[in-house]
Each structure stands twice: as C-alpha cells, then as structure tokens.
C-alpha cells in the first residue's frame, strides 16, 4: 500500500510516498481504510527529528485519520465493519490503511465529512483537555487564544464557546483576524500591542485564561493580561523563538498560574480518557458550535508540501491530505 514516509529526519523535503507492507492490527486495534489525514504540527516536528517521540527512519507520518472500519475487536459498539470513524495515533496514519488502538477511534456523526473528521481528534481533544482539565474554564469567563487562526487556535475558540466562555483571538494580520472570526472568535486583536488591546477590551480587568501555542516573546505580556487567579496554559512553542522563562514572583504577586498542557502523554496512558473526551465533544459537533475550518487540502503526494506550508506559516485552520 502507499504511505507517506520520512526517509531522513531533515524536514519536509525528505518526505516521500512509498510502497510499504500493509499494517497488521493487534487484538485491541482497529484497522481503518483511510480517506483523509490531518496535517499536524507533530508531523512537522517528526519530519525534522525534533519531536519528543523519535522513531527510527524510515517511518510513516500521520497523526489524525478519518475513514471506515475494516476490522475491529468484537463487541465494540460503534466500530462495526464499514463504520465511519476518526482516530489519532502518535504517527503512522498517513497511508491507504492505518492501525489505531481501539481507545483512540471515535464514531463520526453523519453530518461530519472525512475532511472534518481528520481535523478533529488532535486539535479538539487538546483544546478540550487544555480548557477543561487544565484550565478549569467556567461559563462567563474570558479566554485569550494565541495563534488563533491555526488548527489548535481555531479548535480552542470553538470549544471555549461551547463551554460558554468569551473568546479573544490574537493574530498577526487582518486576514487571520477575519479567519478567526469565522471560527467563532468574539473579539480579535493584532499581535503587535495585544496586551494593551486586551486591557481595553476587558475594561482593565484582564482575562481569566490564556492559551499559548506560540511561546517566545509573547509569554511575559500574556502573563500581564491575566486577571487575579488567571491561568496561562502552555501548549507549545510554534514561534521558534525558544522556550520562555517565568519569574515566579510574578505568579505570587498576582495570584496567577502557569500550567503545562501535555494532552498526548496524559490521554494515551488512560484507556478510556479519549473516548470520554469525544463524548463531551459530540454535543458541540452536533449543535454546530464545533465545525473544523479546513484551510487547504492536498493529495497524498503533496504531504511534504503541506508540511512546508505549515513551516512557512502560510496555513489557516487545519490542512488535510486526501488519500482517496
């Protein structure tokens, strides 16, 4: 079968579509015929040898998949042969077929397309974990979202709205501001001068939660945006400006928290956790408040180009690769 593989971990240029043996599912695995694959930031880091998981090359990329069940463990409701599903794996999903643990496969609502299904698991379950498990977001609170036009950013805007929170999107251009508003942002501010703009929007109070996928220079001003007992959620460092440091006296003086958000390591060691998250997400999908924005689509041979577009920050929302 065809699969997208990293031949050498030197970046998107060494990503190729090659023929590989078909995967063999274990006793607690689901074999999925893949229709669409989401392009994720971990894919980019894997291609560069910079991810915390470092498989020996050659290896197959692909974290988010959507397709139909070919085989599954007997007795699992909703995963019968032919069922439409989405799934998430550390890597290995970008091929004609993928093996996904039964704990990480989710039934797709009829109204949800395969493209949308491939855009859901990693980003939206990360957003749900950040806002509920780590951020303890409550109805009526205000959430500031960095990188708000990207995949995790747009997912966070929608999940926050589903939880009854007000959202402020931080973006780098007017085009990205319009995209964030289409994702459901209540307010948008430009990255340049965002701290003062946020103070104005909140009447000087600040925000309850900041979700930061960017890191680097925005970190300190993000702390300054927090109201008393606010929470800054650290999801990633997409800016490439390095890992910021915090002077803990800031936390003490203002009674604020900095909290790490490591969804994968948490969820993948708890067999029922992802399905419980999906069950919380389903009403938001069915109501329409969660509706992934697909910024660009590619064919399977274009996976490397999709990664390069992500590296060059040319993408909006979630990019998706069509397998069939």
Protein backbone atom coordinates (compact mmCIF):
# COMPACT_ATOMS: atom_id res chain seq x y z
CA UNK A 1 0.00 0.00 0.00
CA UNK A 2 1.01 3.68 -0.29
CA UNK A 3 2.28 5.56 2.76
CA UNK A 4 3.91 8.93 3.45
CA UNK A 5 7.30 8.28 5.00
CA UNK A 6 10.19 10.22 6.48
CA UNK A 7 13.32 8.82 4.83
CA UNK A 8 15.68 11.07 6.77
CA UNK A 9 14.59 13.42 9.60
CA UNK A 10 15.81 16.52 7.76
CA UNK A 11 12.45 18.20 7.16
CA UNK A 12 9.62 18.17 4.61
CA UNK A 13 11.98 17.86 1.61
CA UNK A 14 12.75 14.24 2.55
CA UNK A 15 9.11 13.17 2.91
CA UNK A 16 8.08 10.70 0.19
CA UNK A 17 5.15 8.48 -0.79
CA UNK A 18 6.45 4.90 -0.98
CA UNK A 19 5.06 1.36 -1.10
CA UNK A 20 5.06 -0.41 2.27
CA UNK A 21 3.58 -3.66 3.61
CA UNK A 22 0.02 -3.38 4.89
CA UNK A 23 -0.18 -2.94 8.69
CA UNK A 24 -1.36 -5.82 10.85
CA UNK A 25 -3.74 -4.95 13.69
CA UNK A 26 -3.25 -6.43 17.14
CA UNK A 27 -6.06 -7.81 19.32
CA UNK A 28 -7.05 -4.33 20.62
CA UNK A 29 -6.54 -2.45 17.35
CA UNK A 30 -8.85 -1.15 14.66
CA UNK A 31 -7.83 -1.39 11.01
CA UNK A 32 -9.04 1.74 9.20
CA UNK A 33 -9.32 2.34 5.47
CA UNK A 34 -8.09 5.92 5.40
CA UNK A 35 -9.88 8.60 3.38
CA UNK A 36 -8.27 11.74 4.83
CA UNK A 37 -5.31 12.61 7.04
CA UNK A 38 -4.91 15.80 9.06
CA UNK A 39 -1.61 17.66 8.83
CA UNK A 40 -0.39 18.44 12.33
CA UNK A 41 2.48 20.28 13.98
CA UNK A 42 3.81 16.96 15.39
CA UNK A 43 4.10 15.74 11.77
CA UNK A 44 6.35 18.70 11.00
CA UNK A 45 8.48 18.11 14.10
CA UNK A 46 8.69 14.37 13.33
CA UNK A 47 9.93 15.14 9.82
CA UNK A 48 12.66 17.31 11.36
CA UNK A 49 13.66 14.87 14.11
CA UNK A 50 12.58 17.41 16.73
CA UNK A 51 9.58 15.68 18.31
CA UNK A 52 9.68 14.03 21.75
CA UNK A 53 8.83 10.75 20.01
CA UNK A 54 11.70 9.82 17.68
CA UNK A 55 11.03 6.68 15.63
CA UNK A 56 13.85 5.22 13.58
CA UNK A 57 13.51 6.20 9.89
CA UNK A 58 12.04 5.29 7.57
CA UNK A 59 8.67 5.69 9.31
CA UNK A 60 5.17 6.74 8.31
CA UNK A 61 3.76 10.14 9.25
CA UNK A 62 0.13 10.90 10.05
CA UNK A 63 -1.44 11.66 13.43
CA UNK A 64 -5.13 12.35 12.61
CA UNK A 65 -7.04 9.98 10.33
CA UNK A 66 -10.61 9.58 9.11
CA UNK A 67 -12.09 6.70 7.16
CA UNK A 68 -14.05 3.49 7.55
CA UNK A 69 -13.52 0.45 9.76
CA UNK A 70 -12.17 -2.63 8.01
CA UNK A 71 -11.83 -4.71 11.18
CA UNK A 72 -12.14 -4.14 14.92
CA UNK A 73 -12.20 -6.17 18.15
CA UNK A 74 -15.53 -7.93 18.51
CA UNK A 75 -18.20 -6.41 20.68
CA UNK A 76 -17.06 -2.78 20.44
CA UNK A 77 -20.20 -0.70 19.85
CA UNK A 78 -19.94 1.81 17.01
CA UNK A 79 -16.87 0.26 15.41
CA UNK A 80 -18.50 -2.37 13.25
CA UNK A 81 -17.09 -3.00 9.77
CA UNK A 82 -17.92 -0.09 7.48
CA UNK A 83 -18.49 2.41 10.29
CA UNK A 84 -17.27 5.96 9.64
CA UNK A 85 -14.62 6.92 12.18
CA UNK A 86 -11.85 9.33 13.13
CA UNK A 87 -8.75 8.31 15.02
CA UNK A 88 -5.45 9.56 16.41
CA UNK A 89 -2.02 7.92 16.67
CA UNK A 90 1.48 9.17 17.61
CA UNK A 91 2.47 8.59 13.95
CA UNK A 92 1.77 6.04 11.20
CA UNK A 93 -1.65 7.12 9.92
CA UNK A 94 -0.75 8.61 6.53
CA UNK A 95 -1.34 5.64 4.27
CA UNK A 96 -4.04 3.69 2.49
CA UNK A 97 -4.70 1.83 5.74
CA UNK A 98 -3.86 2.58 9.35
CA UNK A 99 -3.86 0.65 12.61
CA UNK A 100 -5.32 2.64 15.51
CA UNK A 101 -5.79 1.46 19.11
CA UNK A 102 -9.47 0.91 19.88
CA UNK A 103 -9.21 3.51 22.67
CA UNK A 104 -8.30 6.19 20.09
CA UNK A 105 -11.01 5.55 17.47
CA UNK A 106 -14.24 7.56 17.52
CA UNK A 107 -17.51 7.30 15.58
CA UNK A 108 -18.12 10.18 13.18
CA UNK A 109 -21.55 11.85 13.13
CA UNK A 110 -23.28 11.57 9.76
CA UNK A 111 -23.08 15.33 9.20
CA UNK A 112 -19.29 15.29 9.64
CA UNK A 113 -17.20 14.85 6.49
CA UNK A 114 -13.99 12.85 6.32
CA UNK A 115 -12.04 16.11 5.96
CA UNK A 116 -13.64 17.43 9.13
CA UNK A 117 -13.08 14.10 10.85
CA UNK A 118 -9.36 14.28 10.06
CA UNK A 119 -9.29 17.79 11.54
CA UNK A 120 -10.92 16.86 14.84
CA UNK A 121 -9.00 14.48 17.14
CA UNK A 122 -5.60 16.02 17.93
CA UNK A 123 -6.61 19.68 17.90
CA UNK A 124 -10.03 19.48 19.50
CA UNK A 125 -9.17 16.93 22.17
CA UNK A 126 -6.09 19.03 23.00
CA UNK A 127 -8.29 22.13 23.27
CA UNK A 128 -10.80 20.29 25.46
CA UNK A 129 -8.02 18.97 27.70
CA UNK A 130 -6.47 22.45 27.97
CA UNK A 131 -9.68 24.29 28.77
CA UNK A 132 -11.45 21.73 30.97
CA UNK A 133 -8.79 19.52 32.59
CA UNK A 134 -6.01 22.09 32.95
CA UNK A 135 -7.72 25.48 32.66
CA UNK A 136 -10.95 24.74 34.58
CA UNK A 137 -12.74 27.21 32.33
CA UNK A 138 -16.18 28.21 33.58
CA UNK A 139 -19.15 29.73 31.80
CA UNK A 140 -18.80 33.50 31.52
CA UNK A 141 -15.00 33.57 31.75
CA UNK A 142 -12.81 35.17 29.08
CA UNK A 143 -10.21 33.14 27.17
CA UNK A 144 -7.37 34.72 25.18
CA UNK A 145 -6.12 32.49 22.35
CA UNK A 146 -2.72 32.94 20.70
CA UNK A 147 -2.17 31.52 17.22
CA UNK A 148 -5.91 31.79 16.86
CA UNK A 149 -6.05 31.24 13.09
CA UNK A 150 -4.24 27.90 13.25
CA UNK A 151 -5.53 24.41 13.90
CA UNK A 152 -5.29 24.34 17.70
CA UNK A 153 -6.26 28.02 17.86
CA UNK A 154 -9.50 27.67 15.91
CA UNK A 155 -10.32 24.49 17.84
CA UNK A 156 -9.84 26.34 21.12
CA UNK A 157 -12.07 29.22 20.02
CA UNK A 158 -14.88 26.80 19.24
CA UNK A 159 -14.52 24.60 22.32
CA UNK A 160 -14.35 27.68 24.56
CA UNK A 161 -17.58 28.95 23.01
CA UNK A 162 -19.13 25.53 23.60
CA UNK A 163 -18.20 25.88 27.27
CA UNK A 164 -19.89 29.28 27.46
CA UNK A 165 -16.72 31.39 27.55
CA UNK A 166 -15.98 34.67 25.77
CA UNK A 167 -13.00 34.48 23.40
CA UNK A 168 -10.38 36.98 22.26
CA UNK A 169 -8.24 35.85 19.32
CA UNK A 170 -4.65 37.08 18.92
CA UNK A 171 -3.50 37.05 15.28
CA UNK A 172 -0.74 38.58 13.17
CA UNK A 173 -2.75 40.04 10.27
CA UNK A 174 -6.18 41.30 9.27
CA UNK A 175 -6.64 38.23 7.05
CA UNK A 176 -6.05 35.95 10.02
CA UNK A 177 -8.38 38.08 12.15
CA UNK A 178 -11.19 37.52 9.65
CA UNK A 179 -10.46 33.78 9.67
CA UNK A 180 -10.55 33.68 13.48
CA UNK A 181 -13.89 35.47 13.48
CA UNK A 182 -15.23 32.91 11.02
CA UNK A 183 -14.15 30.24 13.52
CA UNK A 184 -16.26 31.91 16.20
CA UNK A 185 -13.98 34.42 17.97
CA UNK A 186 -15.94 37.08 19.85
CA UNK A 187 -13.11 39.62 19.52
CA UNK A 188 -9.81 39.80 17.65
CA UNK A 189 -6.64 41.76 18.36
CA UNK A 190 -3.38 42.02 16.45
CA UNK A 191 -0.25 40.50 17.96
CA UNK A 192 1.57 43.83 17.88
CA UNK A 193 0.33 45.62 21.00
CA UNK A 194 -2.06 42.84 22.05
CA UNK A 195 -1.57 43.44 25.80
CA UNK A 196 -2.94 46.97 25.69
CA UNK A 197 -5.73 45.97 23.31
CA UNK A 198 -6.80 43.19 25.68
CA UNK A 199 -6.84 45.59 28.62
CA UNK A 200 -9.11 47.90 26.64
CA UNK A 201 -11.46 45.08 25.64
CA UNK A 202 -11.77 43.87 29.22
CA UNK A 203 -12.11 47.29 30.84
CA UNK A 204 -8.74 46.86 32.54
CA UNK A 205 -9.72 43.59 34.24
CA UNK A 206 -7.73 41.19 32.08
CA UNK A 207 -8.62 37.67 31.02
CA UNK A 208 -9.21 34.52 33.05
CA UNK A 209 -7.28 32.16 30.78
CA UNK A 210 -4.58 32.48 28.11
CA UNK A 211 -3.91 29.58 25.77
CA UNK A 212 -0.42 29.90 24.30
CA UNK A 213 0.76 27.75 21.40
CA UNK A 214 3.32 30.37 20.35
CA UNK A 215 5.76 30.90 23.24
CA UNK A 216 8.73 33.19 22.78
CA UNK A 217 8.29 36.91 23.20
CA UNK A 218 4.52 36.88 23.82
CA UNK A 219 4.83 34.94 27.08
CA UNK A 220 5.53 37.79 29.52
CA UNK A 221 2.83 40.04 28.07
CA UNK A 222 0.43 37.10 28.24
CA UNK A 223 1.08 36.85 31.98
CA UNK A 224 0.36 40.57 32.27
CA UNK A 225 -3.01 40.04 30.57
CA UNK A 226 -4.25 37.73 33.33
CA UNK A 227 -6.72 38.85 35.94
CA UNK A 228 -6.35 37.70 39.54
CA UNK A 229 -6.34 33.87 39.74
CA UNK A 230 -5.89 33.71 35.98
CA UNK A 231 -4.31 30.68 34.28
CA UNK A 232 -1.77 30.68 31.45
CA UNK A 233 -1.90 27.37 29.57
CA UNK A 234 1.34 26.40 27.80
CA UNK A 235 0.55 24.22 24.78
CA UNK A 236 3.59 24.72 22.55
CA UNK A 237 6.29 26.96 21.13
CA UNK A 238 5.38 27.40 17.47
CA UNK A 239 7.14 30.78 17.17
CA UNK A 240 10.53 29.09 17.11
CA UNK A 241 11.84 31.82 19.44
CA UNK A 242 12.80 29.39 22.16
CA UNK A 243 11.21 28.30 25.41
CA UNK A 244 10.31 31.27 27.62
CA UNK A 245 11.10 31.50 31.33
CA UNK A 246 8.92 32.93 34.08
CA UNK A 247 9.97 34.81 37.19
CA UNK A 248 7.92 33.14 39.87
CA UNK A 249 7.47 36.37 41.83
CA UNK A 250 5.02 37.40 39.07
CA UNK A 251 2.89 34.39 39.97
CA UNK A 252 3.00 35.16 43.65
CA UNK A 253 2.26 38.88 43.42
CA UNK A 254 -0.70 38.49 41.05
CA UNK A 255 -2.02 35.09 42.24
CA UNK A 256 -1.81 33.61 38.75
CA UNK A 257 -0.81 30.17 37.46
CA UNK A 258 1.25 28.82 34.58
CA UNK A 259 0.07 25.32 33.65
CA UNK A 260 1.51 22.84 31.21
CA UNK A 261 -0.79 21.19 28.67
CA UNK A 262 0.56 17.80 27.57
CA UNK A 263 -2.50 16.07 26.18
CA UNK A 264 -0.81 13.14 24.44
CA UNK A 265 1.18 11.83 27.38
CA UNK A 266 -1.86 12.17 29.64
CA UNK A 267 -4.53 10.75 27.34
CA UNK A 268 -2.63 7.86 25.78
CA UNK A 269 -1.90 6.27 29.17
CA UNK A 270 -5.58 6.28 30.21
CA UNK A 271 -7.51 3.76 28.10
CA UNK A 272 -10.97 5.35 28.46
CA UNK A 273 -9.99 9.02 28.56
CA UNK A 274 -10.09 9.94 24.86
CA UNK A 275 -13.48 8.34 24.35
CA UNK A 276 -14.80 10.25 27.39
CA UNK A 277 -13.48 13.44 25.80
CA UNK A 278 -15.11 12.57 22.48
CA UNK A 279 -18.42 12.08 24.25
CA UNK A 280 -18.10 15.62 25.66
CA UNK A 281 -17.23 16.95 22.21
CA UNK A 282 -20.07 15.24 20.33
CA UNK A 283 -22.87 17.59 21.52
CA UNK A 284 -20.75 20.54 20.38
CA UNK A 285 -20.28 18.91 16.96
CA UNK A 286 -23.97 18.10 16.65
CA UNK A 287 -25.01 21.64 17.67
CA UNK A 288 -22.63 23.13 15.09
CA UNK A 289 -20.53 25.13 17.57
CA UNK A 290 -17.63 22.79 16.72
CA UNK A 291 -17.09 22.79 12.96
CA UNK A 292 -13.44 22.45 11.89
CA UNK A 293 -12.20 25.02 9.38
CA UNK A 294 -10.23 23.36 6.59
CA UNK A 295 -7.72 25.87 5.29
CA UNK A 296 -6.17 23.81 2.47
CA UNK A 297 -6.32 20.32 1.01
CA UNK A 298 -3.58 18.30 -0.74
CA UNK A 299 -3.26 14.93 -2.43
CA UNK A 300 -1.09 12.25 -0.84
CA UNK A 301 1.97 13.23 -2.87
CA UNK A 302 1.58 16.77 -1.53
CA UNK A 303 2.10 15.85 2.13
CA UNK A 304 5.63 17.26 2.15
CA UNK A 305 4.40 20.49 0.57
CA UNK A 306 1.68 20.73 3.22
CA UNK A 307 4.34 20.44 5.92
CA UNK A 308 6.47 23.11 4.26
CA UNK A 309 3.47 25.43 4.04
CA UNK A 310 2.95 24.89 7.77
CA UNK A 311 6.62 25.57 8.48
CA UNK A 312 6.37 28.80 6.46
CA UNK A 313 3.23 29.80 8.42
CA UNK A 314 1.16 30.02 5.25
CA UNK A 315 -1.68 27.86 6.55
CA UNK A 316 -5.01 28.77 8.12
CA UNK A 317 -7.08 26.37 10.20
CA UNK A 318 -6.35 22.69 9.58
CA UNK A 319 -4.73 21.34 6.42
CA UNK A 320 -5.98 17.96 5.22
CA UNK A 321 -4.48 15.40 2.83
CA UNK A 322 -6.80 13.28 0.70
CA UNK A 323 -5.86 9.61 0.50
CA UNK A 324 -8.82 8.52 -1.64
